[in-house]
Amino acid sequence: MMTDPIADMLTRIRNANQARLQQVDVPHSNLKVQIAKILQAEGYVAGYRVVEEGPQGVLRIKLKYGPQNQRVISTIDRVSKPGKRIYVPRRRLPRVLSGLGIAIVSTSQGVMTDQEARRLGIGGEVLCTVS
């Protein structure tokens, strides 16, 4: 039984990135699709799509690499965990690598990056950081 599906998704992306795989399959959920959408918009992954396989479906994420096959994602870490949720107000939203990375935040207005949440003036649960 999996207790933290978001951590599982991030671990699969991290492992596939280390192995320099072209794509990685993750069990589908709407929250994972929102995270993949943000990763694509910020340029960390090349794309994603939902494949209707099995009872749940699969989220297929296409990883992105540089011209010399260097990794675009250097670190991807889970912040808030099921055993210890991390909620922050807008003033304490983390700045990853002084703004070069992103933090993905689940807010009352949806899942967004820390920059968007700061611009809208809202806080929320910090799901993960990516750089």
C-alpha atoms as a PDB file:
ATOM      1  CA  MET A   1       0.000   0.000   0.000  1.00  0.00           C
ATOM      2  CA  MET A   2       1.335   3.399  -1.017  1.00  0.00           C
ATOM      3  CA  THR A   3       0.922   6.110   1.620  1.00  0.00           C
ATOM      4  CA  ASP A   4       2.341   9.059  -0.338  1.00  0.00           C
ATOM      5  CA  PRO A   5       1.555   8.992  -4.074  1.00  0.00           C
ATOM      6  CA  ILE A   6       3.174  12.413  -4.695  1.00  0.00           C
ATOM      7  CA  ALA A   7       6.486  11.234  -3.198  1.00  0.00           C
ATOM      8  CA  ASP A   8       6.214   8.117  -5.385  1.00  0.00           C
ATOM      9  CA  MET A   9       5.754  10.297  -8.494  1.00  0.00           C
ATOM     10  CA  LEU A  10       8.724  12.500  -7.606  1.00  0.00           C
ATOM     11  CA  THR A  11      10.897   9.448  -6.889  1.00  0.00           C
ATOM     12  CA  ARG A  12       9.992   7.899 -10.245  1.00  0.00           C
ATOM     13  CA  ILE A  13      10.898  11.155 -12.020  1.00  0.00           C
ATOM     14  CA  ARG A  14      14.155  11.432 -10.045  1.00  0.00           C
ATOM     15  CA  ASN A  15      15.147   7.813 -10.802  1.00  0.00           C
ATOM     16  CA  ALA A  16      14.274   8.073 -14.509  1.00  0.00           C
ATOM     17  CA  ASN A  17      16.209  11.337 -14.711  1.00  0.00           C
ATOM     18  CA  GLN A  18      19.269   9.722 -13.102  1.00  0.00           C
ATOM     19  CA  ALA A  19      19.040   6.826 -15.585  1.00  0.00           C
ATOM     20  CA  ARG A  20      18.514   9.333 -18.441  1.00  0.00           C
ATOM     21  CA  LEU A  21      15.303   7.645 -19.591  1.00  0.00           C
ATOM     22  CA  GLN A  22      13.149   9.381 -22.195  1.00  0.00           C
ATOM     23  CA  GLN A  23       9.853   8.922 -20.334  1.00  0.00           C
ATOM     24  CA  VAL A  24       8.416   7.683 -17.071  1.00  0.00           C
ATOM     25  CA  ASP A  25       4.970   6.231 -16.273  1.00  0.00           C
ATOM     26  CA  VAL A  26       3.158   7.211 -13.073  1.00  0.00           C
ATOM     27  CA  PRO A  27      -0.296   6.100 -11.860  1.00  0.00           C
ATOM     28  CA  HIS A  28      -2.806   8.805 -12.824  1.00  0.00           C
ATOM     29  CA  SER A  29      -4.437  11.295 -10.462  1.00  0.00           C
ATOM     30  CA  ASN A  30      -5.650  14.850 -11.006  1.00  0.00           C
ATOM     31  CA  LEU A  31      -3.103  16.310  -8.557  1.00  0.00           C
ATOM     32  CA  LYS A  32      -0.240  14.573 -10.397  1.00  0.00           C
ATOM     33  CA  VAL A  33      -1.521  15.998 -13.696  1.00  0.00           C
ATOM     34  CA  GLN A  34      -1.467  19.503 -12.161  1.00  0.00           C
ATOM     35  CA  ILE A  35       2.128  18.968 -10.973  1.00  0.00           C
ATOM     36  CA  ALA A  36       3.152  17.674 -14.430  1.00  0.00           C
ATOM     37  CA  LYS A  37       1.481  20.697 -16.052  1.00  0.00           C
ATOM     38  CA  ILE A  38       3.538  23.052 -13.865  1.00  0.00           C
ATOM     39  CA  LEU A  39       6.758  21.112 -14.580  1.00  0.00           C
ATOM     40  CA  GLN A  40       6.079  21.424 -18.320  1.00  0.00           C
ATOM     41  CA  ALA A  41       5.189  25.123 -18.120  1.00  0.00           C
ATOM     42  CA  GLU A  42       8.392  25.857 -16.189  1.00  0.00           C
ATOM     43  CA  GLY A  43      10.515  23.882 -18.693  1.00  0.00           C
ATOM     44  CA  TYR A  44      11.536  20.950 -16.482  1.00  0.00           C
ATOM     45  CA  VAL A  45       9.813  18.244 -18.576  1.00  0.00           C
ATOM     46  CA  ALA A  46       9.161  18.071 -22.313  1.00  0.00           C
ATOM     47  CA  GLY A  47       5.524  17.002 -21.996  1.00  0.00           C
ATOM     48  CA  TYR A  48       2.981  14.672 -20.475  1.00  0.00           C
ATOM     49  CA  ARG A  49      -0.181  12.821 -21.439  1.00  0.00           C
ATOM     50  CA  VAL A  50      -2.769  10.626 -19.780  1.00  0.00           C
ATOM     51  CA  VAL A  51      -2.946   7.082 -21.151  1.00  0.00           C
ATOM     52  CA  GLU A  52      -6.050   5.029 -20.403  1.00  0.00           C
ATOM     53  CA  GLU A  53      -4.378   1.799 -19.288  1.00  0.00           C
ATOM     54  CA  GLY A  54      -5.780  -0.379 -16.534  1.00  0.00           C
ATOM     55  CA  PRO A  55      -8.378   0.699 -13.995  1.00  0.00           C
ATOM     56  CA  GLN A  56      -6.670   3.952 -12.961  1.00  0.00           C
ATOM     57  CA  GLY A  57      -4.874   5.123 -16.072  1.00  0.00           C
ATOM     58  CA  VAL A  58      -1.257   6.178 -16.459  1.00  0.00           C
ATOM     59  CA  LEU A  59       0.350   9.606 -16.571  1.00  0.00           C
ATOM     60  CA  ARG A  60       3.232   9.382 -19.063  1.00  0.00           C
ATOM     61  CA  ILE A  61       5.824  12.120 -18.512  1.00  0.00           C
ATOM     62  CA  LYS A  62       8.422  12.840 -21.208  1.00  0.00           C
ATOM     63  CA  LEU A  63      11.678  13.974 -19.600  1.00  0.00           C
ATOM     64  CA  LYS A  64      13.834  16.782 -20.976  1.00  0.00           C
ATOM     65  CA  TYR A  65      17.608  16.936 -21.360  1.00  0.00           C
ATOM     66  CA  GLY A  66      20.053  19.572 -22.592  1.00  0.00           C
ATOM     67  CA  PRO A  67      22.101  19.579 -25.826  1.00  0.00           C
ATOM     68  CA  GLN A  68      24.921  17.445 -24.358  1.00  0.00           C
ATOM     69  CA  ASN A  69      22.367  15.156 -22.650  1.00  0.00           C
ATOM     70  CA  GLN A  70      22.748  17.045 -19.348  1.00  0.00           C
ATOM     71  CA  ARG A  71      19.837  16.864 -16.922  1.00  0.00           C
ATOM     72  CA  VAL A  72      17.370  19.742 -16.754  1.00  0.00           C
ATOM     73  CA  ILE A  73      16.133  18.640 -13.302  1.00  0.00           C
ATOM     74  CA  SER A  74      19.022  18.629 -10.838  1.00  0.00           C
ATOM     75  CA  THR A  75      16.941  18.128  -7.670  1.00  0.00           C
ATOM     76  CA  ILE A  76      13.296  17.344  -7.021  1.00  0.00           C
ATOM     77  CA  ASP A  77      12.320  16.956  -3.366  1.00  0.00           C
ATOM     78  CA  ARG A  78       9.094  16.384  -1.433  1.00  0.00           C
ATOM     79  CA  VAL A  79       8.546  19.011   1.278  1.00  0.00           C
ATOM     80  CA  SER A  80       5.141  18.376   2.857  1.00  0.00           C
ATOM     81  CA  LYS A  81       4.578  14.744   3.809  1.00  0.00           C
ATOM     82  CA  PRO A  82       1.466  12.907   5.042  1.00  0.00           C
ATOM     83  CA  GLY A  83       2.988  12.679   8.537  1.00  0.00           C
ATOM     84  CA  LYS A  84       4.039  16.325   8.641  1.00  0.00           C
ATOM     85  CA  ARG A  85       2.185  18.794   6.459  1.00  0.00           C
ATOM     86  CA  ILE A  86       4.007  22.060   5.770  1.00  0.00           C
ATOM     87  CA  TYR A  87       1.677  25.040   5.372  1.00  0.00           C
ATOM     88  CA  VAL A  88       3.139  28.513   4.883  1.00  0.00           C
ATOM     89  CA  PRO A  89       1.644  32.000   4.624  1.00  0.00           C
ATOM     90  CA  ARG A  90       2.482  34.065   1.559  1.00  0.00           C
ATOM     91  CA  ARG A  91       5.350  35.879   3.285  1.00  0.00           C
ATOM     92  CA  ARG A  92       7.135  32.607   4.113  1.00  0.00           C
ATOM     93  CA  LEU A  93       6.860  30.912   0.720  1.00  0.00           C
ATOM     94  CA  PRO A  94      10.257  29.350  -0.023  1.00  0.00           C
ATOM     95  CA  ARG A  95      12.603  30.753  -2.663  1.00  0.00           C
ATOM     96  CA  VAL A  96      14.402  27.844  -4.305  1.00  0.00           C
ATOM     97  CA  LEU A  97      17.976  28.698  -5.352  1.00  0.00           C
ATOM     98  CA  SER A  98      17.200  32.426  -4.960  1.00  0.00           C
ATOM     99  CA  GLY A  99      14.426  32.189  -7.544  1.00  0.00           C
ATOM    100  CA  LEU A 100      16.190  29.918 -10.065  1.00  0.00           C
ATOM    101  CA  GLY A 101      14.143  26.894  -8.957  1.00  0.00           C
ATOM    102  CA  ILE A 102      10.464  26.562  -8.117  1.00  0.00           C
ATOM    103  CA  ALA A 103       8.342  25.381  -5.229  1.00  0.00           C
ATOM    104  CA  ILE A 104       4.991  23.810  -6.116  1.00  0.00           C
ATOM    105  CA  VAL A 105       2.271  24.968  -3.724  1.00  0.00           C
ATOM    106  CA  SER A 106      -1.264  23.667  -3.247  1.00  0.00           C
ATOM    107  CA  THR A 107      -3.455  26.684  -2.464  1.00  0.00           C
ATOM    108  CA  SER A 108      -7.154  27.375  -2.089  1.00  0.00           C
ATOM    109  CA  GLN A 109      -7.082  28.557  -5.715  1.00  0.00           C
ATOM    110  CA  GLY A 110      -5.365  25.449  -7.096  1.00  0.00           C
ATOM    111  CA  VAL A 111      -1.861  24.088  -7.545  1.00  0.00           C
ATOM    112  CA  MET A 112       0.679  26.719  -8.618  1.00  0.00           C
ATOM    113  CA  THR A 113       4.307  27.795  -8.330  1.00  0.00           C
ATOM    114  CA  ASP A 114       5.597  29.846  -5.429  1.00  0.00           C
ATOM    115  CA  GLN A 115       5.989  32.883  -7.731  1.00  0.00           C
ATOM    116  CA  GLU A 116       2.311  32.752  -8.744  1.00  0.00           C
ATOM    117  CA  ALA A 117       1.184  32.316  -5.126  1.00  0.00           C
ATOM    118  CA  ARG A 118       3.357  35.250  -4.059  1.00  0.00           C
ATOM    119  CA  ARG A 119       1.908  37.388  -6.872  1.00  0.00           C
ATOM    120  CA  LEU A 120      -1.666  36.472  -5.845  1.00  0.00           C
ATOM    121  CA  GLY A 121      -0.835  37.041  -2.172  1.00  0.00           C
ATOM    122  CA  ILE A 122      -1.844  33.569  -0.948  1.00  0.00           C
ATOM    123  CA  GLY A 123      -0.076  30.809   0.949  1.00  0.00           C
ATOM    124  CA  GLY A 124      -0.704  27.088   1.085  1.00  0.00           C
ATOM    125  CA  GLU A 125       0.842  23.657   1.427  1.00  0.00           C
ATOM    126  CA  VAL A 126       4.331  23.363  -0.090  1.00  0.00           C
ATOM    127  CA  LEU A 127       4.234  20.085  -2.039  1.00  0.00           C
ATOM    128  CA  CYS A 128       7.765  19.964  -3.472  1.00  0.00           C
ATOM    129  CA  THR A 129      10.750  21.964  -4.702  1.00  0.00           C
ATOM    130  CA  VAL A 130      12.398  21.604  -8.109  1.00  0.00           C
ATOM    131  CA  SER A 131      15.687  23.004  -9.365  1.00  0.00           C
END
